Amino acid sequence: MTRTERTRHMIELGGLVVKARLVELFDDDRVALYGAMLGIAEVARESPDAVRAWRRRGGTEFDVDAGAGKASISR
């Protein structure tokens, strides 16, 4: 991956954090947010069903946003 592609990828992932309103929810507490993400990673490793459920929910939300004319992040 080129540096430009990597940068774009990281910006898009950061956009997901904002889009999910996690920055607001965690009051921009990056340590707590990182801890929550580690918890998500643990659940993902232990439960493929959880990942499938998250994928369905995320896809639905992207579709809702696209229907409302909101900018979306590349899938």
PDB file of N, CA and C in Angstrom:
ATOM      1  N   MET A   1       0.856  -1.167   0.000  1.00  0.00           N
ATOM      2  CA  MET A   1       0.000   0.000   0.000  1.00  0.00           C
ATOM      3  C   MET A   1       0.911   1.242   0.000  1.00  0.00           C
ATOM      4  N   THR A   2       0.601   2.178  -0.870  1.00  0.00           N
ATOM      5  CA  THR A   2       1.419   3.388  -0.913  1.00  0.00           C
ATOM      6  C   THR A   2       1.102   4.270   0.281  1.00  0.00           C
ATOM      7  N   ARG A   3       1.965   5.218   0.519  1.00  0.00           N
ATOM      8  CA  ARG A   3       1.759   6.123   1.651  1.00  0.00           C
ATOM      9  C   ARG A   3       0.448   6.898   1.499  1.00  0.00           C
ATOM     10  N   THR A   4       0.148   7.329   0.272  1.00  0.00           N
ATOM     11  CA  THR A   4      -1.094   8.066   0.021  1.00  0.00           C
ATOM     12  C   THR A   4      -2.310   7.196   0.297  1.00  0.00           C
ATOM     13  N   GLU A   5      -2.267   5.944  -0.167  1.00  0.00           N
ATOM     14  CA  GLU A   5      -3.376   5.019   0.076  1.00  0.00           C
ATOM     15  C   GLU A   5      -3.535   4.735   1.567  1.00  0.00           C
ATOM     16  N   ARG A   6      -2.428   4.576   2.249  1.00  0.00           N
ATOM     17  CA  ARG A   6      -2.459   4.310   3.693  1.00  0.00           C
ATOM     18  C   ARG A   6      -3.063   5.499   4.426  1.00  0.00           C
ATOM     19  N   THR A   7      -2.667   6.701   4.045  1.00  0.00           N
ATOM     20  CA  THR A   7      -3.198   7.911   4.681  1.00  0.00           C
ATOM     21  C   THR A   7      -4.699   8.017   4.463  1.00  0.00           C
ATOM     22  N   ARG A   8      -5.137   7.798   3.233  1.00  0.00           N
ATOM     23  CA  ARG A   8      -6.572   7.858   2.935  1.00  0.00           C
ATOM     24  C   ARG A   8      -7.326   6.814   3.748  1.00  0.00           C
ATOM     25  N   HIS A   9      -6.770   5.614   3.819  1.00  0.00           N
ATOM     26  CA  HIS A   9      -7.394   4.524   4.583  1.00  0.00           C
ATOM     27  C   HIS A   9      -7.553   4.921   6.055  1.00  0.00           C
ATOM     28  N   MET A  10      -6.513   5.488   6.630  1.00  0.00           N
ATOM     29  CA  MET A  10      -6.561   5.892   8.041  1.00  0.00           C
ATOM     30  C   MET A  10      -7.579   7.018   8.258  1.00  0.00           C
ATOM     31  N   ILE A  11      -7.648   7.954   7.329  1.00  0.00           N
ATOM     32  CA  ILE A  11      -8.627   9.038   7.441  1.00  0.00           C
ATOM     33  C   ILE A  11     -10.043   8.481   7.379  1.00  0.00           C
ATOM     34  N   GLU A  12     -10.276   7.541   6.466  1.00  0.00           N
ATOM     35  CA  GLU A  12     -11.604   6.933   6.365  1.00  0.00           C
ATOM     36  C   GLU A  12     -11.979   6.192   7.637  1.00  0.00           C
ATOM     37  N   LEU A  13     -11.030   5.468   8.216  1.00  0.00           N
ATOM     38  CA  LEU A  13     -11.316   4.756   9.469  1.00  0.00           C
ATOM     39  C   LEU A  13     -11.609   5.736  10.599  1.00  0.00           C
ATOM     40  N   GLY A  14     -10.858   6.822  10.658  1.00  0.00           N
ATOM     41  CA  GLY A  14     -11.142   7.862  11.648  1.00  0.00           C
ATOM     42  C   GLY A  14     -12.520   8.461  11.436  1.00  0.00           C
ATOM     43  N   GLY A  15     -12.907   8.597  10.163  1.00  0.00           N
ATOM     44  CA  GLY A  15     -14.238   9.103   9.849  1.00  0.00           C
ATOM     45  C   GLY A  15     -15.335   8.200  10.387  1.00  0.00           C
ATOM     46  N   LEU A  16     -15.083   6.898  10.386  1.00  0.00           N
ATOM     47  CA  LEU A  16     -16.062   5.964  10.945  1.00  0.00           C
ATOM     48  C   LEU A  16     -16.247   6.188  12.446  1.00  0.00           C
ATOM     49  N   VAL A  17     -15.169   6.478  13.125  1.00  0.00           N
ATOM     50  CA  VAL A  17     -15.242   6.745  14.569  1.00  0.00           C
ATOM     51  C   VAL A  17     -16.115   7.974  14.816  1.00  0.00           C
ATOM     52  N   VAL A  18     -15.925   8.993  14.008  1.00  0.00           N
ATOM     53  CA  VAL A  18     -16.732  10.209  14.127  1.00  0.00           C
ATOM     54  C   VAL A  18     -18.182   9.926  13.728  1.00  0.00           C
ATOM     55  N   LYS A  19     -18.356   9.235  12.593  1.00  0.00           N
ATOM     56  CA  LYS A  19     -19.694   8.929  12.076  1.00  0.00           C
ATOM     57  C   LYS A  19     -20.523   8.148  13.099  1.00  0.00           C
ATOM     58  N   ALA A  20     -19.874   7.238  13.820  1.00  0.00           N
ATOM     59  CA  ALA A  20     -20.568   6.451  14.846  1.00  0.00           C
ATOM     60  C   ALA A  20     -20.790   7.252  16.125  1.00  0.00           C
ATOM     61  N   ARG A  21     -20.328   8.491  16.131  1.00  0.00           N
ATOM     62  CA  ARG A  21     -20.475   9.416  17.265  1.00  0.00           C
ATOM     63  C   ARG A  21     -19.732   8.950  18.512  1.00  0.00           C
ATOM     64  N   LEU A  22     -18.688   8.165  18.306  1.00  0.00           N
ATOM     65  CA  LEU A  22     -17.909   7.669  19.437  1.00  0.00           C
ATOM     66  C   LEU A  22     -17.078   8.772  20.079  1.00  0.00           C
ATOM     67  N   VAL A  23     -16.648   9.733  19.296  1.00  0.00           N
ATOM     68  CA  VAL A  23     -15.868  10.840  19.853  1.00  0.00           C
ATOM     69  C   VAL A  23     -16.716  11.584  20.873  1.00  0.00           C
ATOM     70  N   GLU A  24     -17.964  11.856  20.509  1.00  0.00           N
ATOM     71  CA  GLU A  24     -18.880  12.527  21.441  1.00  0.00           C
ATOM     72  C   GLU A  24     -19.186  11.646  22.647  1.00  0.00           C
ATOM     73  N   LEU A  25     -19.494  10.387  22.377  1.00  0.00           N
ATOM     74  CA  LEU A  25     -19.884   9.464  23.444  1.00  0.00           C
ATOM     75  C   LEU A  25     -18.788   9.314  24.492  1.00  0.00           C
ATOM     76  N   PHE A  26     -17.526   9.282  24.031  1.00  0.00           N
ATOM     77  CA  PHE A  26     -16.394   9.107  24.927  1.00  0.00           C
ATOM     78  C   PHE A  26     -15.773  10.435  25.333  1.00  0.00           C
ATOM     79  N   ASP A  27     -16.429  11.540  24.976  1.00  0.00           N
ATOM     80  CA  ASP A  27     -15.934  12.883  25.303  1.00  0.00           C
ATOM     81  C   ASP A  27     -14.468  13.037  24.869  1.00  0.00           C
ATOM     82  N   ASP A  28     -14.167  12.512  23.678  1.00  0.00           N
ATOM     83  CA  ASP A  28     -12.829  12.586  23.071  1.00  0.00           C
ATOM     84  C   ASP A  28     -11.740  11.975  23.964  1.00  0.00           C
ATOM     85  N   ASP A  29     -12.136  10.999  24.794  1.00  0.00           N
ATOM     86  CA  ASP A  29     -11.187  10.290  25.663  1.00  0.00           C
ATOM     87  C   ASP A  29     -10.581   9.149  24.850  1.00  0.00           C
ATOM     88  N   ARG A  30      -9.419   9.391  24.282  1.00  0.00           N
ATOM     89  CA  ARG A  30      -8.806   8.437  23.364  1.00  0.00           C
ATOM     90  C   ARG A  30      -8.364   7.157  24.048  1.00  0.00           C
ATOM     91  N   VAL A  31      -8.012   7.234  25.314  1.00  0.00           N
ATOM     92  CA  VAL A  31      -7.615   6.029  26.044  1.00  0.00           C
ATOM     93  C   VAL A  31      -8.829   5.116  26.219  1.00  0.00           C
ATOM     94  N   ALA A  32      -9.960   5.689  26.607  1.00  0.00           N
ATOM     95  CA  ALA A  32     -11.177   4.890  26.770  1.00  0.00           C
ATOM     96  C   ALA A  32     -11.655   4.361  25.424  1.00  0.00           C
ATOM     97  N   LEU A  33     -11.579   5.175  24.392  1.00  0.00           N
ATOM     98  CA  LEU A  33     -11.984   4.749  23.058  1.00  0.00           C
ATOM     99  C   LEU A  33     -11.117   3.595  22.566  1.00  0.00           C
ATOM    100  N   TYR A  34      -9.820   3.696  22.773  1.00  0.00           N
ATOM    101  CA  TYR A  34      -8.910   2.616  22.394  1.00  0.00           C
ATOM    102  C   TYR A  34      -9.236   1.339  23.178  1.00  0.00           C
ATOM    103  N   GLY A  35      -9.501   1.482  24.476  1.00  0.00           N
ATOM    104  CA  GLY A  35      -9.887   0.322  25.287  1.00  0.00           C
ATOM    105  C   GLY A  35     -11.154  -0.333  24.761  1.00  0.00           C
ATOM    106  N   ALA A  36     -12.118   0.482  24.357  1.00  0.00           N
ATOM    107  CA  ALA A  36     -13.359  -0.056  23.794  1.00  0.00           C
ATOM    108  C   ALA A  36     -13.071  -0.809  22.499  1.00  0.00           C
ATOM    109  N   MET A  37     -12.185  -0.262  21.684  1.00  0.00           N
ATOM    110  CA  MET A  37     -11.838  -0.928  20.425  1.00  0.00           C
ATOM    111  C   MET A  37     -11.125  -2.254  20.682  1.00  0.00           C
ATOM    112  N   LEU A  38     -10.300  -2.293  21.702  1.00  0.00           N
ATOM    113  CA  LEU A  38      -9.658  -3.559  22.065  1.00  0.00           C
ATOM    114  C   LEU A  38     -10.704  -4.577  22.484  1.00  0.00           C
ATOM    115  N   GLY A  39     -11.731  -4.118  23.187  1.00  0.00           N
ATOM    116  CA  GLY A  39     -12.834  -5.002  23.568  1.00  0.00           C
ATOM    117  C   GLY A  39     -13.582  -5.518  22.349  1.00  0.00           C
ATOM    118  N   ILE A  40     -13.797  -4.653  21.363  1.00  0.00           N
ATOM    119  CA  ILE A  40     -14.453  -5.071  20.128  1.00  0.00           C
ATOM    120  C   ILE A  40     -13.604  -6.129  19.423  1.00  0.00           C
ATOM    121  N   ALA A  41     -12.289  -5.907  19.374  1.00  0.00           N
ATOM    122  CA  ALA A  41     -11.390  -6.864  18.727  1.00  0.00           C
ATOM    123  C   ALA A  41     -11.465  -8.223  19.424  1.00  0.00           C
ATOM    124  N   GLU A  42     -11.552  -8.217  20.736  1.00  0.00           N
ATOM    125  CA  GLU A  42     -11.644  -9.470  21.493  1.00  0.00           C
ATOM    126  C   GLU A  42     -12.933 -10.217  21.153  1.00  0.00           C
ATOM    127  N   VAL A  43     -14.046  -9.473  21.121  1.00  0.00           N
ATOM    128  CA  VAL A  43     -15.328 -10.093  20.761  1.00  0.00           C
ATOM    129  C   VAL A  43     -15.271 -10.628  19.337  1.00  0.00           C
ATOM    130  N   ALA A  44     -14.673  -9.859  18.425  1.00  0.00           N
ATOM    131  CA  ALA A  44     -14.588 -10.274  17.015  1.00  0.00           C
ATOM    132  C   ALA A  44     -13.796 -11.564  16.859  1.00  0.00           C
ATOM    133  N   ARG A  45     -12.724 -11.701  17.633  1.00  0.00           N
ATOM    134  CA  ARG A  45     -11.915 -12.925  17.560  1.00  0.00           C
ATOM    135  C   ARG A  45     -12.693 -14.137  18.067  1.00  0.00           C
ATOM    136  N   GLU A  46     -13.554 -13.913  19.039  1.00  0.00           N
ATOM    137  CA  GLU A  46     -14.272 -15.021  19.672  1.00  0.00           C
ATOM    138  C   GLU A  46     -15.622 -15.318  19.032  1.00  0.00           C
ATOM    139  N   SER A  47     -16.158 -14.371  18.251  1.00  0.00           N
ATOM    140  CA  SER A  47     -17.519 -14.549  17.753  1.00  0.00           C
ATOM    141  C   SER A  47     -17.697 -14.051  16.323  1.00  0.00           C
ATOM    142  N   PRO A  48     -17.513 -14.934  15.356  1.00  0.00           N
ATOM    143  CA  PRO A  48     -17.782 -14.547  13.966  1.00  0.00           C
ATOM    144  C   PRO A  48     -19.225 -14.095  13.763  1.00  0.00           C
ATOM    145  N   ASP A  49     -20.142 -14.630  14.567  1.00  0.00           N
ATOM    146  CA  ASP A  49     -21.540 -14.206  14.461  1.00  0.00           C
ATOM    147  C   ASP A  49     -21.702 -12.734  14.798  1.00  0.00           C
ATOM    148  N   ALA A  50     -20.949 -12.258  15.775  1.00  0.00           N
ATOM    149  CA  ALA A  50     -21.013 -10.838  16.134  1.00  0.00           C
ATOM    150  C   ALA A  50     -20.538  -9.984  14.973  1.00  0.00           C
ATOM    151  N   VAL A  51     -19.469 -10.406  14.325  1.00  0.00           N
ATOM    152  CA  VAL A  51     -18.939  -9.649  13.183  1.00  0.00           C
ATOM    153  C   VAL A  51     -19.972  -9.608  12.058  1.00  0.00           C
ATOM    154  N   ARG A  52     -20.628 -10.729  11.790  1.00  0.00           N
ATOM    155  CA  ARG A  52     -21.659 -10.749  10.752  1.00  0.00           C
ATOM    156  C   ARG A  52     -22.801  -9.799  11.109  1.00  0.00           C
ATOM    157  N   ALA A  53     -23.197  -9.793  12.365  1.00  0.00           N
ATOM    158  CA  ALA A  53     -24.277  -8.895  12.800  1.00  0.00           C
ATOM    159  C   ALA A  53     -23.850  -7.432  12.658  1.00  0.00           C
ATOM    160  N   TRP A  54     -22.620  -7.116  13.039  1.00  0.00           N
ATOM    161  CA  TRP A  54     -22.113  -5.742  12.891  1.00  0.00           C
ATOM    162  C   TRP A  54     -22.053  -5.346  11.425  1.00  0.00           C
ATOM    163  N   ARG A  55     -21.653  -6.276  10.548  1.00  0.00           N
ATOM    164  CA  ARG A  55     -21.576  -5.998   9.108  1.00  0.00           C
ATOM    165  C   ARG A  55     -22.967  -5.673   8.562  1.00  0.00           C
ATOM    166  N   ARG A  56     -23.980  -6.455   8.958  1.00  0.00           N
ATOM    167  CA  ARG A  56     -25.354  -6.197   8.504  1.00  0.00           C
ATOM    168  C   ARG A  56     -25.821  -4.824   8.972  1.00  0.00           C
ATOM    169  N   ARG A  57     -25.584  -4.532  10.247  1.00  0.00           N
ATOM    170  CA  ARG A  57     -26.036  -3.247  10.790  1.00  0.00           C
ATOM    171  C   ARG A  57     -25.320  -2.088  10.114  1.00  0.00           C
ATOM    172  N   GLY A  58     -24.016  -2.222   9.937  1.00  0.00           N
ATOM    173  CA  GLY A  58     -23.251  -1.166   9.274  1.00  0.00           C
ATOM    174  C   GLY A  58     -23.702  -0.954   7.844  1.00  0.00           C
ATOM    175  N   GLY A  59     -23.937  -2.059   7.131  1.00  0.00           N
ATOM    176  CA  GLY A  59     -24.412  -1.945   5.751  1.00  0.00           C
ATOM    177  C   GLY A  59     -25.751  -1.247   5.681  1.00  0.00           C
ATOM    178  N   THR A  60     -26.637  -1.586   6.602  1.00  0.00           N
ATOM    179  CA  THR A  60     -27.947  -0.935   6.642  1.00  0.00           C
ATOM    180  C   THR A  60     -27.802   0.558   6.884  1.00  0.00           C
ATOM    181  N   GLU A  61     -26.956   0.930   7.827  1.00  0.00           N
ATOM    182  CA  GLU A  61     -26.761   2.354   8.125  1.00  0.00           C
ATOM    183  C   GLU A  61     -26.137   3.099   6.944  1.00  0.00           C
ATOM    184  N   PHE A  62     -25.178   2.478   6.253  1.00  0.00           N
ATOM    185  CA  PHE A  62     -24.598   3.101   5.060  1.00  0.00           C
ATOM    186  C   PHE A  62     -25.686   3.317   4.012  1.00  0.00           C
ATOM    187  N   ASP A  63     -26.560   2.317   3.835  1.00  0.00           N
ATOM    188  CA  ASP A  63     -27.635   2.435   2.851  1.00  0.00           C
ATOM    189  C   ASP A  63     -28.609   3.546   3.225  1.00  0.00           C
ATOM    190  N   VAL A  64     -28.930   3.661   4.520  1.00  0.00           N
ATOM    191  CA  VAL A  64     -29.817   4.733   4.990  1.00  0.00           C
ATOM    192  C   VAL A  64     -29.182   6.086   4.714  1.00  0.00           C
ATOM    193  N   ASP A  65     -27.906   6.224   5.041  1.00  0.00           N
ATOM    194  CA  ASP A  65     -27.201   7.480   4.796  1.00  0.00           C
ATOM    195  C   ASP A  65     -27.164   7.823   3.310  1.00  0.00           C
ATOM    196  N   ALA A  66     -26.917   6.812   2.488  1.00  0.00           N
ATOM    197  CA  ALA A  66     -26.849   7.053   1.040  1.00  0.00           C
ATOM    198  C   ALA A  66     -28.217   7.499   0.523  1.00  0.00           C
ATOM    199  N   GLY A  67     -29.278   6.908   1.055  1.00  0.00           N
ATOM    200  CA  GLY A  67     -30.632   7.289   0.661  1.00  0.00           C
ATOM    201  C   GLY A  67     -30.997   8.689   1.103  1.00  0.00           C
ATOM    202  N   ALA A  68     -30.375   9.160   2.193  1.00  0.00           N
ATOM    203  CA  ALA A  68     -30.641  10.496   2.710  1.00  0.00           C
ATOM    204  C   ALA A  68     -29.731  11.528   2.065  1.00  0.00           C
ATOM    205  N   GLY A  69     -28.879  11.053   1.136  1.00  0.00           N
ATOM    206  CA  GLY A  69     -27.989  11.982   0.454  1.00  0.00           C
ATOM    207  C   GLY A  69     -26.781  12.398   1.251  1.00  0.00           C
ATOM    208  N   LYS A  70     -26.482  11.671   2.327  1.00  0.00           N
ATOM    209  CA  LYS A  70     -25.302  11.991   3.141  1.00  0.00           C
ATOM    210  C   LYS A  70     -24.070  11.402   2.502  1.00  0.00           C
ATOM    211  N   ALA A  71     -22.962  12.064   2.718  1.00  0.00           N
ATOM    212  CA  ALA A  71     -21.677  11.544   2.216  1.00  0.00           C
ATOM    213  C   ALA A  71     -21.371  10.246   2.936  1.00  0.00           C
ATOM    214  N   SER A  72     -20.852   9.294   2.206  1.00  0.00           N
ATOM    215  CA  SER A  72     -20.498   8.025   2.823  1.00  0.00           C
ATOM    216  C   SER A  72     -19.017   7.764   2.672  1.00  0.00           C
ATOM    217  N   ILE A  73     -18.546   6.852   3.482  1.00  0.00           N
ATOM    218  CA  ILE A  73     -17.152   6.438   3.449  1.00  0.00           C
ATOM    219  C   ILE A  73     -17.082   5.199   2.573  1.00  0.00           C
ATOM    220  N   SER A  74     -16.043   5.063   1.791  1.00  0.00           N
ATOM    221  CA  SER A  74     -15.896   3.910   0.897  1.00  0.00           C
ATOM    222  C   SER A  74     -15.976   2.611   1.677  1.00  0.00           C
ATOM    223  N   ARG A  75     -16.634   1.635   1.104  1.00  0.00           N
ATOM    224  CA  ARG A  75     -16.705   0.310   1.729  1.00  0.00           C
ATOM    225  C   ARG A  75     -15.620  -0.557   1.209  1.00  0.00           C
TER     226      ARG A  75
END
